Amino acid sequence: MARQDRITSLLQSALSPSFLAVRDVSHQHHGHAGWREGGETHFEVDIASSLFDGQTRVAAHRMVNDALAEELNTGLHALQIKIIKN
């Protein structure tokens, strides 16, 4: 399974988002730190979830990072997160 699909599945399972967009933007970082041939190293995530209600932006980001801990430990180099309030 591609990393983008795993990220999508993990976030859907952990956070039940009402909106989720996951984009592999590794091509934009060619030659930068953490980039590897074949991509799947740099991602952008736009996410809305009722679980973020009453949470600070930092807390919401931590929730996303916690859900993706295994991916971050196995080659996901950079993750840009945009929290969308419901």
C-alpha atoms as a PDB file:
ATOM      1  CA  MET A   1       0.000   0.000   0.000  1.00  0.00           C
ATOM      2  CA  ALA A   2       1.297   3.457  -0.862  1.00  0.00           C
ATOM      3  CA  ARG A   3       2.169   5.792   2.006  1.00  0.00           C
ATOM      4  CA  GLN A   4      -0.544   8.267   0.934  1.00  0.00           C
ATOM      5  CA  ASP A   5      -3.144   5.509   1.289  1.00  0.00           C
ATOM      6  CA  ARG A   6      -1.762   4.464   4.677  1.00  0.00           C
ATOM      7  CA  ILE A   7      -1.832   8.079   5.925  1.00  0.00           C
ATOM      8  CA  THR A   8      -5.426   8.448   4.733  1.00  0.00           C
ATOM      9  CA  SER A   9      -6.478   5.189   6.371  1.00  0.00           C
ATOM     10  CA  LEU A  10      -4.734   5.949   9.681  1.00  0.00           C
ATOM     11  CA  LEU A  11      -6.241   9.426   9.934  1.00  0.00           C
ATOM     12  CA  GLN A  12      -9.727   8.199   9.027  1.00  0.00           C
ATOM     13  CA  SER A  13      -9.500   5.477  11.650  1.00  0.00           C
ATOM     14  CA  ALA A  14      -8.060   7.622  14.446  1.00  0.00           C
ATOM     15  CA  LEU A  15      -9.817  10.949  13.903  1.00  0.00           C
ATOM     16  CA  SER A  16     -13.036  10.265  11.911  1.00  0.00           C
ATOM     17  CA  PRO A  17     -12.540  13.413   9.837  1.00  0.00           C
ATOM     18  CA  SER A  18     -15.429  15.239   8.198  1.00  0.00           C
ATOM     19  CA  PHE A  19     -12.903  16.427   5.612  1.00  0.00           C
ATOM     20  CA  LEU A  20      -9.525  14.978   4.679  1.00  0.00           C
ATOM     21  CA  ALA A  21      -7.122  15.724   1.841  1.00  0.00           C
ATOM     22  CA  VAL A  22      -3.694  14.078   1.713  1.00  0.00           C
ATOM     23  CA  ARG A  23      -1.158  15.127  -0.930  1.00  0.00           C
ATOM     24  CA  ASP A  24       2.295  13.744  -1.689  1.00  0.00           C
ATOM     25  CA  VAL A  25       4.410  16.849  -2.365  1.00  0.00           C
ATOM     26  CA  SER A  26       7.772  15.059  -2.334  1.00  0.00           C
ATOM     27  CA  HIS A  27       8.508  16.224  -5.880  1.00  0.00           C
ATOM     28  CA  GLN A  28       8.638  19.809  -4.572  1.00  0.00           C
ATOM     29  CA  HIS A  29      11.549  18.865  -2.297  1.00  0.00           C
ATOM     30  CA  HIS A  30      13.819  17.089  -4.767  1.00  0.00           C
ATOM     31  CA  GLY A  31      17.368  17.299  -3.473  1.00  0.00           C
ATOM     32  CA  HIS A  32      16.370  18.606  -0.031  1.00  0.00           C
ATOM     33  CA  ALA A  33      16.936  16.890   3.290  1.00  0.00           C
ATOM     34  CA  GLY A  34      14.925  13.734   3.717  1.00  0.00           C
ATOM     35  CA  TRP A  35      14.017  13.429   0.033  1.00  0.00           C
ATOM     36  CA  ARG A  36      14.422   9.989  -1.523  1.00  0.00           C
ATOM     37  CA  GLU A  37      14.093   8.652  -5.038  1.00  0.00           C
ATOM     38  CA  GLY A  38      10.510   7.485  -5.459  1.00  0.00           C
ATOM     39  CA  GLY A  39       9.034  10.176  -3.216  1.00  0.00           C
ATOM     40  CA  GLU A  40       6.643   9.431  -0.376  1.00  0.00           C
ATOM     41  CA  THR A  41       8.711  11.564   2.013  1.00  0.00           C
ATOM     42  CA  HIS A  42       6.877  14.922   2.157  1.00  0.00           C
ATOM     43  CA  PHE A  43       3.105  15.256   2.578  1.00  0.00           C
ATOM     44  CA  GLU A  44       0.457  17.905   3.137  1.00  0.00           C
ATOM     45  CA  VAL A  45      -2.671  17.085   5.129  1.00  0.00           C
ATOM     46  CA  ASP A  46      -5.801  19.237   5.343  1.00  0.00           C
ATOM     47  CA  ILE A  47      -8.145  17.821   7.966  1.00  0.00           C
ATOM     48  CA  ALA A  48     -11.338  18.682   9.843  1.00  0.00           C
ATOM     49  CA  SER A  49     -12.603  16.574  12.718  1.00  0.00           C
ATOM     50  CA  SER A  50     -15.047  17.113  15.563  1.00  0.00           C
ATOM     51  CA  LEU A  51     -12.309  15.666  17.810  1.00  0.00           C
ATOM     52  CA  PHE A  52     -10.480  18.985  17.359  1.00  0.00           C
ATOM     53  CA  ASP A  53     -13.387  20.958  18.877  1.00  0.00           C
ATOM     54  CA  GLY A  54     -12.158  22.764  21.981  1.00  0.00           C
ATOM     55  CA  GLN A  55      -8.544  21.812  21.261  1.00  0.00           C
ATOM     56  CA  THR A  56      -5.732  24.257  20.568  1.00  0.00           C
ATOM     57  CA  ARG A  57      -4.060  24.110  17.176  1.00  0.00           C
ATOM     58  CA  VAL A  58      -1.001  22.548  18.828  1.00  0.00           C
ATOM     59  CA  ALA A  59      -3.135  19.849  20.459  1.00  0.00           C
ATOM     60  CA  ALA A  60      -4.848  19.084  17.139  1.00  0.00           C
ATOM     61  CA  HIS A  61      -1.463  18.814  15.412  1.00  0.00           C
ATOM     62  CA  ARG A  62      -0.300  16.433  18.144  1.00  0.00           C
ATOM     63  CA  MET A  63      -3.355  14.261  17.521  1.00  0.00           C
ATOM     64  CA  VAL A  64      -2.466  14.019  13.836  1.00  0.00           C
ATOM     65  CA  ASN A  65       1.204  13.324  14.591  1.00  0.00           C
ATOM     66  CA  ASP A  66       0.236  10.651  17.139  1.00  0.00           C
ATOM     67  CA  ALA A  67      -1.985   8.938  14.576  1.00  0.00           C
ATOM     68  CA  LEU A  68       0.904   8.924  12.099  1.00  0.00           C
ATOM     69  CA  ALA A  69       3.698   8.017  14.537  1.00  0.00           C
ATOM     70  CA  GLU A  70       4.600   4.787  12.742  1.00  0.00           C
ATOM     71  CA  GLU A  71       4.792   6.562   9.361  1.00  0.00           C
ATOM     72  CA  LEU A  72       6.974   9.278  10.880  1.00  0.00           C
ATOM     73  CA  ASN A  73       9.273   6.568  12.251  1.00  0.00           C
ATOM     74  CA  THR A  74       9.535   4.740   8.919  1.00  0.00           C
ATOM     75  CA  GLY A  75      10.474   7.338   6.327  1.00  0.00           C
ATOM     76  CA  LEU A  76       7.859  10.089   6.378  1.00  0.00           C
ATOM     77  CA  HIS A  77      10.228  13.040   6.616  1.00  0.00           C
ATOM     78  CA  ALA A  78       7.951  16.081   6.553  1.00  0.00           C
ATOM     79  CA  LEU A  79       4.279  16.626   7.265  1.00  0.00           C
ATOM     80  CA  GLN A  80       2.506  19.943   6.733  1.00  0.00           C
ATOM     81  CA  ILE A  81      -0.781  19.957   8.625  1.00  0.00           C
ATOM     82  CA  LYS A  82      -3.681  22.358   8.084  1.00  0.00           C
ATOM     83  CA  ILE A  83      -6.412  22.026  10.715  1.00  0.00           C
ATOM     84  CA  ILE A  84      -9.795  23.096   9.397  1.00  0.00           C
ATOM     85  CA  LYS A  85     -12.322  24.059  12.056  1.00  0.00           C
ATOM     86  CA  ASN A  86     -15.841  22.640  11.578  1.00  0.00           C
END
